[in-house]
Amino acid sequence: MEACDTNHAGSTGNKTGIGRTQSPDVSPLHSPCPVHRLILPCPLSHHNQMLFKTRSAAVYGIEAYLVDVEVNISTGGNGQFIIVGLPDTAVRESRNRVLPAIRNNGFGAPYQRIVINLGPADVKKEGSAFDLPMAVGILGGHGLLAKQDVSDYLMVGELSLDGKLRPVKGVLSIAMLARDRKIPHLLVPLGNAREAAVVEGVAVYPLRTLTEVVEFINGTRSIDPVRSDPHFEYQESQRRTEDFRDVRGQFHAKRAIEVAMAGGHNMLLIGPPGAGKTMLAKRIPTILPPMSFEESLETTRIHSVAGLLPSESGLTTTRPFRSPHHTISDAGLVGGGSIPRPGEVSMAHNGVLFLDELPEFPRNVLEVLRQPLEERKVTIARAQMTLTFPASFVLIAAMNPCPCGFANDFRRECFCTPPQIQRYMSKISGPLMDRIDIQVDVPAVPYKDLTGGRMAESSETIRHRVIAARNAQLRRFFDEHIYSNAQMGPRHIRKYCVLTPDCEKIMENAVTKLGFSARGYDRILKVARTIADLEGTEDLEAKHLSEAVQYRTLDRNLWV
């Protein structure tokens, strides 16, 4: 095989190609290239240009799609580096990372004209994940790869200036894409390896530097794919220090929380400052049932796209608990942007979204919650396409009964006028309140409960009952593709919430005297079904409906 001085001499005066730098007294004709142990011909010594293709992927929403990285290298051009295919700023800046990474890994510096096309060209590309396939394409175009066809490799990764690979977002979705497209090899930074290895059916190779990538493709370095046992990764790993045993009193509120978590129902806590609303809400994750493997995979995928997945974690195994500040925008809450990103409602998928001080949120922000609360998904329309983010979460909200917070507080006097209270309450619309299944009063804790009183149950005890109720629902809805009573539709309500004559009388009084809407009627039946599940009974009884009705009386008292 003919040796090429252009690619393998790598001298400082080289103006036509790139190659490993060597000392002047070493002849490139007799010393193999330290990268791939082969002496390859330089394609540019015989042709005016060279085209080399690599494969990468990008994420739009939470779905990944293939990106063909076409690198064209031609003589002349005074070292121009052009990227086309609707690149964003981070992609355009890749030239300032890729070229130093190539040079600092000992491959010399390219001086030819380089044009890189990211296809499909009509979809905007963003992020730094294309650094690695760009660099590999440039090296392949200069003859430093033993393979001219690397289509069986899908590669992503950001390059630092010294050639090290940094983690990127959305690797779990990219690994699913590689599996679905039957691309056998996935090259990722070491920090993304455990996340990608959760997907079965694709070999995931963890890489640290650009040199490792070149040596691996050339076959001069052996790297074992990451082996991951999804069921081992799925084990719950996070222990919480909070416990419901720490909450003094508030037995009625804790019972309502148990019912809400057992059926996946939305809930509103209303009470004065210091009554324990936030304290109760922060302990809700301790009684949530464990996630199934499918739920864990869905949640991990969203967190990966958002860049919130720890590098040492393969799967998110605990249900998320998100608590955004009341200054959040509507796009921050439900998602959006020029390139849509998941919002807090999607980050809370399969978990809990806690909105403290609910009336402090702008009304337009609260109103965008209607769709995810009803449909358990968020649809964002853009000119190029329409995206749907999953948003199946339990909403827990907390608020004061008036602007000063002391209405109906036996310890403090409230000085708010009726118009002030009305304006405060009107920030939360009736349709939004209808979508909250349980509204419960959280009064100030009496002194006797603070100093002693009845012993509170631990979170573990409550959690066992919640899990038992959820398991009963999973068995009931085995073929229905729903996972809790809160997700029942009208057909399921008619089938699983059959009313006896006594129950019908209770519901008739509730609708006619308290003015519940049709949606409120359905939600009472769902809550009653959950209460029956907690007791382990199949038939709804009058006591179940009575308890469910009293969980919805606060909205009638406060918003009429």
Protein backbone atom coordinates (compact mmCIF):
# COMPACT_ATOMS: atom_id res chain seq x y z
CA MET A 1 0.00 0.00 0.00
CA GLU A 2 1.35 3.39 -0.96
CA ALA A 3 2.21 5.69 1.93
CA CYS A 4 0.98 9.26 2.00
CA ASP A 5 3.26 11.98 3.35
CA THR A 6 0.34 14.37 3.56
CA ASN A 7 -1.62 12.40 6.13
CA HIS A 8 1.12 10.78 8.17
CA ALA A 9 4.03 13.17 8.27
CA GLY A 10 1.99 15.67 10.22
CA SER A 11 4.70 18.33 10.09
CA THR A 12 4.11 21.90 11.06
CA GLY A 13 4.43 23.03 7.49
CA ASN A 14 1.75 20.64 6.23
CA LYS A 15 -0.84 22.72 4.36
CA THR A 16 -2.71 20.00 2.48
CA GLY A 17 -3.97 17.46 5.03
CA ILE A 18 -3.92 16.18 8.56
CA GLY A 19 -2.10 13.30 10.21
CA ARG A 20 -0.50 12.18 13.42
CA THR A 21 2.44 14.43 14.30
CA GLN A 22 5.82 12.64 14.28
CA SER A 23 9.37 13.66 14.97
CA PRO A 24 11.32 14.70 11.85
CA ASP A 25 13.74 11.74 12.05
CA VAL A 26 10.98 9.12 11.76
CA SER A 27 10.13 8.13 8.22
CA PRO A 28 6.37 7.92 7.59
CA LEU A 29 7.03 5.36 4.86
CA HIS A 30 8.28 2.79 7.36
CA SER A 31 6.39 3.67 10.56
CA PRO A 32 2.72 2.66 10.77
CA CYS A 33 0.21 5.30 11.82
CA PRO A 34 -0.16 5.08 15.62
CA VAL A 35 -3.92 5.49 15.25
CA HIS A 36 -4.89 2.47 13.15
CA ARG A 37 -1.54 0.69 12.56
CA LEU A 38 -2.01 1.06 8.80
CA ILE A 39 -0.38 3.27 6.23
CA LEU A 40 -3.33 4.65 4.26
CA PRO A 41 -3.22 6.60 1.02
CA CYS A 42 -4.35 10.18 1.22
CA PRO A 43 -7.45 10.53 -0.97
CA LEU A 44 -6.77 14.22 -1.54
CA SER A 45 -3.43 13.44 -3.18
CA HIS A 46 -5.33 11.87 -6.09
CA HIS A 47 -8.63 13.72 -6.13
CA ASN A 48 -9.68 17.30 -5.64
CA GLN A 49 -12.27 16.42 -2.99
CA MET A 50 -13.43 13.67 -0.70
CA LEU A 51 -16.90 12.92 0.74
CA PHE A 52 -17.27 10.96 3.97
CA LYS A 53 -20.54 10.18 5.74
CA THR A 54 -21.30 9.44 9.38
CA ARG A 55 -24.60 8.94 11.20
CA SER A 56 -25.86 10.79 14.22
CA ALA A 57 -29.21 11.62 15.79
CA ALA A 58 -31.08 14.54 17.29
CA VAL A 59 -34.11 14.86 19.55
CA TYR A 60 -37.19 16.90 18.73
CA GLY A 61 -39.59 16.92 21.64
CA ILE A 62 -38.85 13.54 23.21
CA GLU A 63 -38.56 11.65 19.91
CA ALA A 64 -35.21 11.07 18.22
CA TYR A 65 -34.60 11.15 14.46
CA LEU A 66 -31.61 10.21 12.32
CA VAL A 67 -29.22 12.89 11.09
CA ASP A 68 -26.83 12.15 8.23
CA VAL A 69 -23.56 14.05 8.70
CA GLU A 70 -21.99 14.50 5.26
CA VAL A 71 -18.44 15.87 5.32
CA ASN A 72 -17.01 17.15 2.02
CA ILE A 73 -13.31 18.04 1.99
CA SER A 74 -11.79 19.83 -0.98
CA THR A 75 -8.48 21.51 -1.74
CA GLY A 76 -8.20 25.28 -1.51
CA GLY A 77 -10.61 27.51 0.29
CA ASN A 78 -8.06 28.82 2.82
CA GLY A 79 -9.35 26.56 5.59
CA GLN A 80 -13.05 27.39 5.29
CA PHE A 81 -15.36 25.42 7.60
CA ILE A 82 -19.02 25.62 6.60
CA ILE A 83 -21.97 23.90 8.31
CA VAL A 84 -25.33 23.76 6.52
CA GLY A 85 -28.64 22.11 7.37
CA LEU A 86 -30.30 24.71 9.63
CA PRO A 87 -27.71 24.65 12.45
CA ASP A 88 -28.30 26.69 15.59
CA THR A 89 -25.61 28.66 17.40
CA ALA A 90 -24.28 25.65 19.33
CA VAL A 91 -23.94 23.65 16.11
CA ARG A 92 -22.24 26.51 14.25
CA GLU A 93 -19.77 26.85 17.11
CA SER A 94 -18.79 23.20 16.65
CA ARG A 95 -15.95 24.26 14.32
CA ASN A 96 -14.32 26.00 17.26
CA ARG A 97 -14.43 22.75 19.26
CA VAL A 98 -13.88 20.14 16.55
CA LEU A 99 -10.72 21.58 14.97
CA PRO A 100 -8.83 22.13 18.28
CA ALA A 101 -9.93 18.64 19.43
CA ILE A 102 -8.51 17.10 16.25
CA ARG A 103 -5.26 19.04 16.60
CA ASN A 104 -4.85 18.43 20.36
CA ASN A 105 -5.30 14.68 19.88
CA GLY A 106 -2.25 14.60 17.63
CA PHE A 107 -3.95 14.41 14.24
CA GLY A 108 -2.51 17.71 12.96
CA ALA A 109 -4.70 20.53 11.66
CA PRO A 110 -6.85 20.46 8.51
CA TYR A 111 -6.29 23.29 6.06
CA GLN A 112 -8.68 22.24 3.29
CA ARG A 113 -12.15 23.60 2.66
CA ILE A 114 -14.63 21.63 4.78
CA VAL A 115 -18.37 21.67 4.13
CA ILE A 116 -20.63 19.70 6.48
CA ASN A 117 -24.28 19.04 5.69
CA LEU A 118 -26.68 17.90 8.39
CA GLY A 119 -29.61 16.12 6.80
CA PRO A 120 -32.54 16.36 6.69
CA ALA A 121 -31.74 19.96 5.86
CA ASP A 122 -35.23 21.32 6.52
CA VAL A 123 -35.23 20.51 10.26
CA LYS A 124 -33.45 22.86 12.64
CA LYS A 125 -30.49 21.24 14.44
CA GLU A 126 -29.44 22.26 17.91
CA GLY A 127 -26.99 21.24 20.59
CA SER A 128 -23.45 19.95 20.69
CA ALA A 129 -24.09 16.24 20.05
CA PHE A 130 -22.87 16.52 16.44
CA ASP A 131 -19.27 17.33 17.46
CA LEU A 132 -18.19 13.68 17.44
CA PRO A 133 -19.68 12.64 14.08
CA MET A 134 -18.30 15.82 12.50
CA ALA A 135 -14.78 15.09 13.79
CA VAL A 136 -14.97 11.44 12.71
CA GLY A 137 -16.16 12.54 9.26
CA ILE A 138 -13.24 14.95 8.88
CA LEU A 139 -10.75 12.28 9.93
CA GLY A 140 -12.38 9.78 7.59
CA GLY A 141 -12.21 12.25 4.73
CA HIS A 142 -8.47 12.58 5.32
CA GLY A 143 -7.93 8.84 5.21
CA LEU A 144 -7.37 8.20 8.90
CA LEU A 145 -10.10 5.57 9.18
CA ALA A 146 -9.67 2.00 8.01
CA LYS A 147 -13.35 1.89 7.02
CA GLN A 148 -14.93 3.95 4.30
CA ASP A 149 -18.43 2.92 5.40
CA VAL A 150 -19.34 3.57 9.05
CA SER A 151 -23.12 3.43 8.57
CA ASP A 152 -23.41 0.70 11.21
CA TYR A 153 -22.23 3.19 13.85
CA LEU A 154 -24.53 5.81 15.36
CA MET A 155 -22.48 8.38 17.28
CA VAL A 156 -23.21 11.38 19.47
CA GLY A 157 -21.09 13.43 21.83
CA GLU A 158 -19.75 16.87 22.62
CA LEU A 159 -16.01 17.45 22.25
CA SER A 160 -13.94 19.52 24.61
CA LEU A 161 -10.92 21.34 23.24
CA ASP A 162 -8.59 18.56 24.40
CA GLY A 163 -10.65 15.90 22.62
CA LYS A 164 -12.50 14.50 25.61
CA LEU A 165 -16.14 13.50 25.17
CA ARG A 166 -18.80 15.18 27.28
CA PRO A 167 -22.34 13.87 27.89
CA VAL A 168 -25.26 15.17 25.84
CA LYS A 169 -29.02 15.24 26.30
CA GLY A 170 -31.59 12.76 25.06
CA VAL A 171 -29.35 9.69 24.73
CA LEU A 172 -32.09 7.32 25.91
CA SER A 173 -34.35 8.39 23.02
CA ILE A 174 -31.38 8.08 20.64
CA ALA A 175 -30.68 4.55 21.87
CA MET A 176 -34.33 3.64 21.22
CA LEU A 177 -33.95 5.05 17.70
CA ALA A 178 -30.82 2.94 17.08
CA ARG A 179 -32.70 -0.15 18.23
CA ASP A 180 -35.73 0.60 16.05
CA ARG A 181 -33.60 1.38 12.96
CA LYS A 182 -31.47 -1.75 13.61
CA ILE A 183 -28.20 0.18 13.84
CA PRO A 184 -26.02 -2.27 15.79
CA HIS A 185 -23.42 0.05 17.36
CA LEU A 186 -24.02 3.20 19.40
CA LEU A 187 -21.00 5.32 20.35
CA VAL A 188 -21.67 7.63 23.30
CA PRO A 189 -19.65 9.52 25.91
CA LEU A 190 -18.86 7.57 29.05
CA GLY A 191 -21.27 9.75 31.07
CA ASN A 192 -24.22 8.64 28.89
CA ALA A 193 -23.36 4.94 28.75
CA ARG A 194 -25.51 3.62 31.60
CA GLU A 195 -28.51 5.60 30.41
CA ALA A 196 -28.25 4.25 26.84
CA ALA A 197 -27.51 0.69 27.94
CA VAL A 198 -30.99 0.40 29.46
CA VAL A 199 -32.28 -0.15 25.90
CA GLU A 200 -31.91 -3.76 24.83
CA GLY A 201 -31.04 -4.69 21.27
CA VAL A 202 -28.20 -2.23 20.63
CA ALA A 203 -24.53 -2.42 21.65
CA VAL A 204 -23.56 0.72 23.56
CA TYR A 205 -19.86 1.60 23.65
CA PRO A 206 -18.60 4.08 26.27
CA LEU A 207 -15.84 6.33 24.95
CA ARG A 208 -13.69 8.95 26.64
CA THR A 209 -11.73 10.70 23.88
CA LEU A 210 -11.68 11.26 20.14
CA THR A 211 -8.54 9.10 19.89
CA GLU A 212 -10.42 6.19 21.49
CA VAL A 213 -13.20 6.57 18.92
CA VAL A 214 -10.77 6.43 15.98
CA GLU A 215 -8.87 3.48 17.40
CA PHE A 216 -12.11 1.62 18.12
CA ILE A 217 -13.45 2.11 14.59
CA ASN A 218 -10.08 1.07 13.14
CA GLY A 219 -10.02 -2.06 15.27
CA THR A 220 -6.82 -1.24 17.14
CA ARG A 221 -8.59 -0.79 20.48
CA SER A 222 -11.03 -3.25 22.00
CA ILE A 223 -13.91 -1.75 23.99
CA ASP A 224 -16.59 -3.92 25.52
CA PRO A 225 -20.17 -2.71 25.23
CA VAL A 226 -21.86 -1.65 28.44
CA ARG A 227 -23.92 -4.42 29.96
CA SER A 228 -26.97 -3.33 31.88
CA ASP A 229 -29.61 -5.34 33.66
CA PRO A 230 -32.71 -3.14 33.35
CA HIS A 231 -34.45 -4.92 36.20
CA PHE A 232 -31.46 -4.33 38.47
CA GLU A 233 -31.29 -0.67 37.42
CA TYR A 234 -35.01 -0.44 38.09
CA GLN A 235 -34.69 -1.12 41.83
CA GLU A 236 -35.64 1.88 43.95
CA SER A 237 -32.47 3.59 45.11
CA GLN A 238 -33.55 6.80 46.79
CA ARG A 239 -34.48 6.89 50.45
CA ARG A 240 -36.29 9.85 51.88
CA THR A 241 -35.85 11.19 55.37
CA GLU A 242 -39.34 12.74 55.56
CA ASP A 243 -42.13 10.76 57.21
CA PHE A 244 -45.80 11.42 57.88
CA ARG A 245 -45.11 10.46 61.48
CA ASP A 246 -43.48 13.90 61.84
CA VAL A 247 -46.78 15.69 61.12
CA ARG A 248 -48.72 16.45 64.30
CA GLY A 249 -52.48 16.32 64.05
CA GLN A 250 -54.11 16.92 60.64
CA PHE A 251 -55.56 13.41 60.59
CA HIS A 252 -58.36 14.47 58.24
CA ALA A 253 -55.87 15.96 55.76
CA LYS A 254 -53.65 12.90 55.92
CA ARG A 255 -56.61 10.66 55.23
CA ALA A 256 -57.50 12.78 52.19
CA ILE A 257 -53.89 12.56 50.95
CA GLU A 258 -53.98 8.78 51.32
CA VAL A 259 -57.16 8.63 49.22
CA ALA A 260 -55.67 10.95 46.61
CA MET A 261 -52.48 8.93 46.21
CA ALA A 262 -54.33 5.60 46.21
CA GLY A 263 -56.40 6.68 43.21
CA GLY A 264 -54.14 9.23 41.54
CA HIS A 265 -56.55 12.10 42.27
CA ASN A 266 -55.73 15.81 42.11
CA MET A 267 -55.92 17.62 45.44
CA LEU A 268 -56.12 21.13 46.93
CA LEU A 269 -55.06 21.95 50.51
CA ILE A 270 -56.57 25.14 51.96
CA GLY A 271 -55.47 26.54 55.29
CA PRO A 272 -53.74 29.39 57.17
CA PRO A 273 -49.97 29.88 57.18
CA GLY A 274 -48.16 27.46 59.44
CA ALA A 275 -50.92 24.83 59.40
CA GLY A 276 -48.62 22.29 57.72
CA LYS A 277 -49.75 22.33 54.07
CA THR A 278 -46.25 22.36 52.61
CA MET A 279 -45.03 19.89 55.23
CA LEU A 280 -47.78 17.47 54.23
CA ALA A 281 -47.11 17.90 50.52
CA LYS A 282 -43.37 17.25 50.82
CA ARG A 283 -44.09 13.90 52.47
CA ILE A 284 -46.38 12.70 49.71
CA PRO A 285 -43.53 10.99 47.77
CA THR A 286 -42.96 8.70 50.78
CA ILE A 287 -46.35 7.00 50.28
CA LEU A 288 -46.38 6.79 46.48
CA PRO A 289 -46.40 3.28 44.99
CA PRO A 290 -43.25 2.13 43.18
CA MET A 291 -43.01 2.74 39.46
CA SER A 292 -43.32 -0.06 36.96
CA PHE A 293 -40.43 -0.58 34.56
CA GLU A 294 -42.42 1.02 31.71
CA GLU A 295 -43.19 4.08 33.85
CA SER A 296 -39.55 4.34 34.85
CA LEU A 297 -38.46 4.21 31.21
CA GLU A 298 -40.95 6.94 30.22
CA THR A 299 -39.87 9.21 33.06
CA THR A 300 -36.18 8.68 32.37
CA ARG A 301 -36.69 9.56 28.73
CA ILE A 302 -38.21 12.94 29.58
CA HIS A 303 -35.53 13.76 32.16
CA SER A 304 -32.84 12.76 29.67
CA VAL A 305 -34.17 15.16 27.03
CA ALA A 306 -34.28 17.94 29.64
CA GLY A 307 -30.70 17.19 30.71
CA LEU A 308 -31.67 16.46 34.32
CA LEU A 309 -30.61 12.81 34.47
CA PRO A 310 -27.51 12.24 36.64
CA SER A 311 -24.64 10.67 34.70
CA GLU A 312 -24.30 7.88 37.26
CA SER A 313 -27.96 6.93 36.88
CA GLY A 314 -29.32 4.53 34.30
CA LEU A 315 -33.00 4.83 35.16
CA THR A 316 -35.16 7.18 37.19
CA THR A 317 -36.57 4.76 39.74
CA THR A 318 -38.44 7.08 42.11
CA ARG A 319 -41.52 9.05 41.19
CA PRO A 320 -40.66 12.71 40.49
CA PHE A 321 -41.84 15.50 42.77
CA ARG A 322 -41.74 18.88 41.04
CA SER A 323 -42.41 22.15 42.86
CA PRO A 324 -42.00 25.18 40.54
CA HIS A 325 -42.00 28.74 41.86
CA HIS A 326 -45.10 30.85 41.28
CA THR A 327 -43.18 33.17 38.92
CA ILE A 328 -42.95 30.41 36.30
CA SER A 329 -44.22 31.18 32.78
CA ASP A 330 -46.82 29.18 30.91
CA ALA A 331 -44.11 27.79 28.61
CA GLY A 332 -42.06 26.78 31.63
CA LEU A 333 -45.05 25.00 33.13
CA VAL A 334 -46.41 23.07 30.14
CA GLY A 335 -43.44 23.26 27.78
CA GLY A 336 -42.69 25.20 24.62
CA GLY A 337 -40.08 27.41 23.05
CA SER A 338 -38.90 27.78 19.44
CA ILE A 339 -37.61 24.23 19.73
CA PRO A 340 -40.15 22.81 22.21
CA ARG A 341 -38.88 21.48 25.51
CA PRO A 342 -40.86 19.59 28.14
CA GLY A 343 -42.24 21.75 30.93
CA GLU A 344 -42.80 21.05 34.60
CA VAL A 345 -46.00 19.08 33.95
CA SER A 346 -44.02 16.65 31.78
CA MET A 347 -41.11 16.57 34.22
CA ALA A 348 -43.67 15.44 36.81
CA HIS A 349 -44.91 12.62 34.54
CA ASN A 350 -45.78 9.56 36.65
CA GLY A 351 -45.21 11.64 39.77
CA VAL A 352 -46.45 14.72 41.61
CA LEU A 353 -46.64 18.39 40.61
CA PHE A 354 -46.89 20.60 43.71
CA LEU A 355 -48.04 24.20 43.28
CA ASP A 356 -47.63 26.08 46.54
CA GLU A 357 -49.49 29.39 47.01
CA LEU A 358 -51.77 28.58 44.07
CA PRO A 359 -53.43 32.05 43.70
CA GLU A 360 -49.98 33.66 43.36
CA PHE A 361 -49.53 31.96 39.98
CA PRO A 362 -50.68 34.15 37.05
CA ARG A 363 -54.15 33.16 35.92
CA ASN A 364 -53.06 32.53 32.33
CA VAL A 365 -50.44 30.09 33.65
CA LEU A 366 -53.01 28.18 35.69
CA GLU A 367 -55.45 27.98 32.80
CA VAL A 368 -52.96 26.10 30.61
CA LEU A 369 -53.20 23.27 33.12
CA ARG A 370 -56.66 22.35 31.86
CA GLN A 371 -55.51 20.19 28.96
CA PRO A 372 -52.88 18.13 30.84
CA LEU A 373 -55.22 17.64 33.81
CA GLU A 374 -57.95 16.31 31.54
CA GLU A 375 -56.03 14.52 28.78
CA ARG A 376 -52.77 13.70 30.64
CA LYS A 377 -50.70 15.05 27.78
CA VAL A 378 -49.59 18.39 26.35
CA THR A 379 -49.85 19.21 22.66
CA ILE A 380 -47.63 21.99 21.31
CA ALA A 381 -48.17 23.17 17.73
CA ARG A 382 -45.35 24.67 15.68
CA ALA A 383 -45.04 25.56 12.01
CA GLN A 384 -42.91 22.51 11.25
CA MET A 385 -44.75 19.92 13.31
CA THR A 386 -46.98 19.25 16.30
CA LEU A 387 -45.42 17.68 19.38
CA THR A 388 -47.07 15.80 22.21
CA PHE A 389 -45.43 15.50 25.61
CA PRO A 390 -46.74 13.02 28.19
CA ALA A 391 -48.08 14.69 31.35
CA SER A 392 -49.75 12.09 33.56
CA PHE A 393 -49.21 13.54 37.01
CA VAL A 394 -51.03 14.11 40.27
CA LEU A 395 -51.60 17.80 41.00
CA ILE A 396 -51.21 18.84 44.63
CA ALA A 397 -51.94 22.52 45.26
CA ALA A 398 -51.88 24.57 48.44
CA MET A 399 -53.30 28.01 49.21
CA ASN A 400 -54.46 30.34 51.94
CA PRO A 401 -58.20 31.02 52.36
CA CYS A 402 -57.70 34.78 51.95
CA PRO A 403 -54.94 37.31 51.14
CA CYS A 404 -53.78 37.58 54.77
CA GLY A 405 -54.27 33.85 55.28
CA PHE A 406 -56.22 33.91 58.55
CA ALA A 407 -59.84 33.55 57.45
CA ASN A 408 -61.52 30.88 59.60
CA ASP A 409 -58.41 30.69 61.82
CA PHE A 410 -59.40 30.43 65.48
CA ARG A 411 -56.05 31.91 66.61
CA ARG A 412 -55.81 35.05 64.47
CA GLU A 413 -58.28 37.64 63.25
CA CYS A 414 -58.73 38.18 59.53
CA PHE A 415 -58.94 41.83 58.36
CA CYS A 416 -59.59 41.08 54.69
CA THR A 417 -62.76 42.57 53.24
CA PRO A 418 -65.21 40.41 51.26
CA PRO A 419 -64.23 42.06 47.94
CA GLN A 420 -60.55 41.34 48.68
CA ILE A 421 -61.32 37.70 49.43
CA GLN A 422 -63.45 37.47 46.28
CA ARG A 423 -60.67 38.88 44.08
CA TYR A 424 -58.20 36.50 45.71
CA MET A 425 -60.41 33.46 45.09
CA SER A 426 -61.32 34.53 41.54
CA LYS A 427 -57.73 33.94 40.46
CA ILE A 428 -58.67 30.26 40.34
CA SER A 429 -61.38 29.57 37.79
CA GLY A 430 -64.32 27.27 38.31
CA PRO A 431 -63.32 24.94 35.44
CA LEU A 432 -59.90 24.47 37.00
CA MET A 433 -61.46 23.73 40.40
CA ASP A 434 -63.75 21.15 38.77
CA ARG A 435 -60.63 19.25 37.66
CA ILE A 436 -59.38 18.96 41.25
CA ASP A 437 -61.01 15.86 42.74
CA ILE A 438 -60.30 16.51 46.41
CA GLN A 439 -60.37 19.85 48.25
CA VAL A 440 -59.67 19.65 51.94
CA ASP A 441 -59.41 22.16 54.77
CA VAL A 442 -56.13 22.19 56.70
CA PRO A 443 -56.87 24.15 59.91
CA ALA A 444 -54.35 25.42 62.43
CA VAL A 445 -53.04 22.63 64.68
CA PRO A 446 -54.39 22.78 68.27
CA TYR A 447 -51.90 22.91 71.11
CA LYS A 448 -52.86 19.46 72.41
CA ASP A 449 -51.95 17.90 69.07
CA LEU A 450 -48.60 19.69 69.04
CA THR A 451 -47.61 18.41 72.45
CA GLY A 452 -48.94 14.87 72.21
CA GLY A 453 -52.27 13.35 71.36
CA ARG A 454 -52.85 10.39 69.10
CA MET A 455 -49.77 8.71 67.65
CA ALA A 456 -49.41 9.39 63.92
CA GLU A 457 -48.99 6.59 61.41
CA SER A 458 -45.71 6.20 59.60
CA SER A 459 -45.36 6.71 55.86
CA GLU A 460 -44.54 3.03 55.43
CA THR A 461 -47.85 1.96 56.97
CA ILE A 462 -49.82 4.34 54.75
CA ARG A 463 -47.82 3.29 51.71
CA HIS A 464 -48.76 -0.38 52.16
CA ARG A 465 -52.45 0.53 51.96
CA VAL A 466 -51.87 2.75 48.94
CA ILE A 467 -50.00 -0.02 47.14
CA ALA A 468 -52.73 -2.54 47.92
CA ALA A 469 -55.38 -0.18 46.47
CA ARG A 470 -53.29 0.51 43.37
CA ASN A 471 -52.75 -3.22 42.80
CA ALA A 472 -56.51 -3.74 42.94
CA GLN A 473 -56.91 -1.05 40.26
CA LEU A 474 -54.22 -2.60 38.08
CA ARG A 475 -56.02 -5.93 38.21
CA ARG A 476 -59.35 -4.26 37.44
CA PHE A 477 -58.03 -2.31 34.45
CA PHE A 478 -55.68 -5.00 33.19
CA ASP A 479 -56.83 -4.70 29.56
CA GLU A 480 -57.95 -1.05 29.69
CA HIS A 481 -54.57 0.74 29.38
CA ILE A 482 -55.26 2.84 32.48
CA TYR A 483 -53.45 2.60 35.79
CA SER A 484 -55.58 4.35 38.41
CA ASN A 485 -59.17 5.29 39.20
CA ALA A 486 -58.50 8.93 38.32
CA GLN A 487 -57.96 7.90 34.68
CA MET A 488 -61.37 6.26 34.31
CA GLY A 489 -63.60 7.48 31.52
CA PRO A 490 -67.41 7.55 31.41
CA ARG A 491 -67.55 3.95 30.21
CA HIS A 492 -65.42 2.75 33.10
CA ILE A 493 -67.45 4.76 35.62
CA ARG A 494 -70.67 3.14 34.45
CA LYS A 495 -69.08 -0.30 34.67
CA TYR A 496 -67.18 -0.08 37.96
CA CYS A 497 -69.18 2.53 39.94
CA VAL A 498 -72.64 0.98 40.07
CA LEU A 499 -74.87 2.82 42.57
CA THR A 500 -77.33 1.20 44.96
CA PRO A 501 -80.61 3.05 45.72
CA ASP A 502 -79.07 4.52 48.90
CA CYS A 503 -76.06 5.73 46.94
CA GLU A 504 -78.27 7.26 44.25
CA LYS A 505 -80.13 9.25 46.89
CA ILE A 506 -76.87 10.64 48.28
CA MET A 507 -75.73 11.68 44.81
CA GLU A 508 -79.06 13.29 43.98
CA ASN A 509 -78.88 15.45 47.11
CA ALA A 510 -75.27 16.35 46.35
CA VAL A 511 -76.00 17.48 42.81
CA THR A 512 -79.23 19.37 43.53
CA LYS A 513 -78.28 21.04 46.82
CA LEU A 514 -74.55 21.63 46.33
CA GLY A 515 -74.71 22.36 42.62
CA PHE A 516 -72.03 19.97 41.40
CA SER A 517 -71.34 19.93 37.67
CA ALA A 518 -71.41 16.79 35.53
CA ARG A 519 -67.61 16.65 35.78
CA GLY A 520 -67.85 17.01 39.55
CA TYR A 521 -70.38 14.17 39.65
CA ASP A 522 -67.99 11.85 37.81
CA ARG A 523 -65.07 12.80 40.02
CA ILE A 524 -67.05 12.05 43.18
CA LEU A 525 -67.71 8.55 41.85
CA LYS A 526 -64.01 8.08 41.07
CA VAL A 527 -62.99 9.12 44.59
CA ALA A 528 -65.65 6.86 46.08
CA ARG A 529 -64.28 3.97 44.02
CA THR A 530 -60.82 4.63 45.49
CA ILE A 531 -62.17 4.74 49.06
CA ALA A 532 -63.81 1.36 48.46
CA ASP A 533 -60.51 0.01 47.10
CA LEU A 534 -58.73 1.12 50.27
CA GLU A 535 -61.24 -0.92 52.23
CA GLY A 536 -60.91 -3.85 49.87
CA THR A 537 -64.57 -3.91 48.80
CA GLU A 538 -65.88 -4.29 45.25
CA ASP A 539 -69.25 -2.58 45.71
CA LEU A 540 -69.72 1.12 46.42
CA GLU A 541 -71.47 1.84 49.69
CA ALA A 542 -73.17 4.93 51.07
CA LYS A 543 -70.27 5.68 53.42
CA HIS A 544 -67.83 5.73 50.49
CA LEU A 545 -69.92 8.28 48.60
CA SER A 546 -70.49 10.39 51.73
CA GLU A 547 -66.76 10.68 52.32
CA ALA A 548 -66.15 11.48 48.64
CA VAL A 549 -68.81 14.22 48.66
CA GLN A 550 -67.35 15.98 51.69
CA TYR A 551 -63.98 16.14 49.89
CA ARG A 552 -65.60 18.50 47.33
CA THR A 553 -67.56 20.84 49.58
CA LEU A 554 -64.83 23.45 49.95
CA ASP A 555 -65.09 24.69 46.37
CA ARG A 556 -68.82 25.25 46.83
CA ASN A 557 -68.23 27.22 50.05
CA LEU A 558 -65.44 29.38 48.70
CA TRP A 559 -66.21 29.98 45.04
CA VAL A 560 -69.97 30.46 44.98
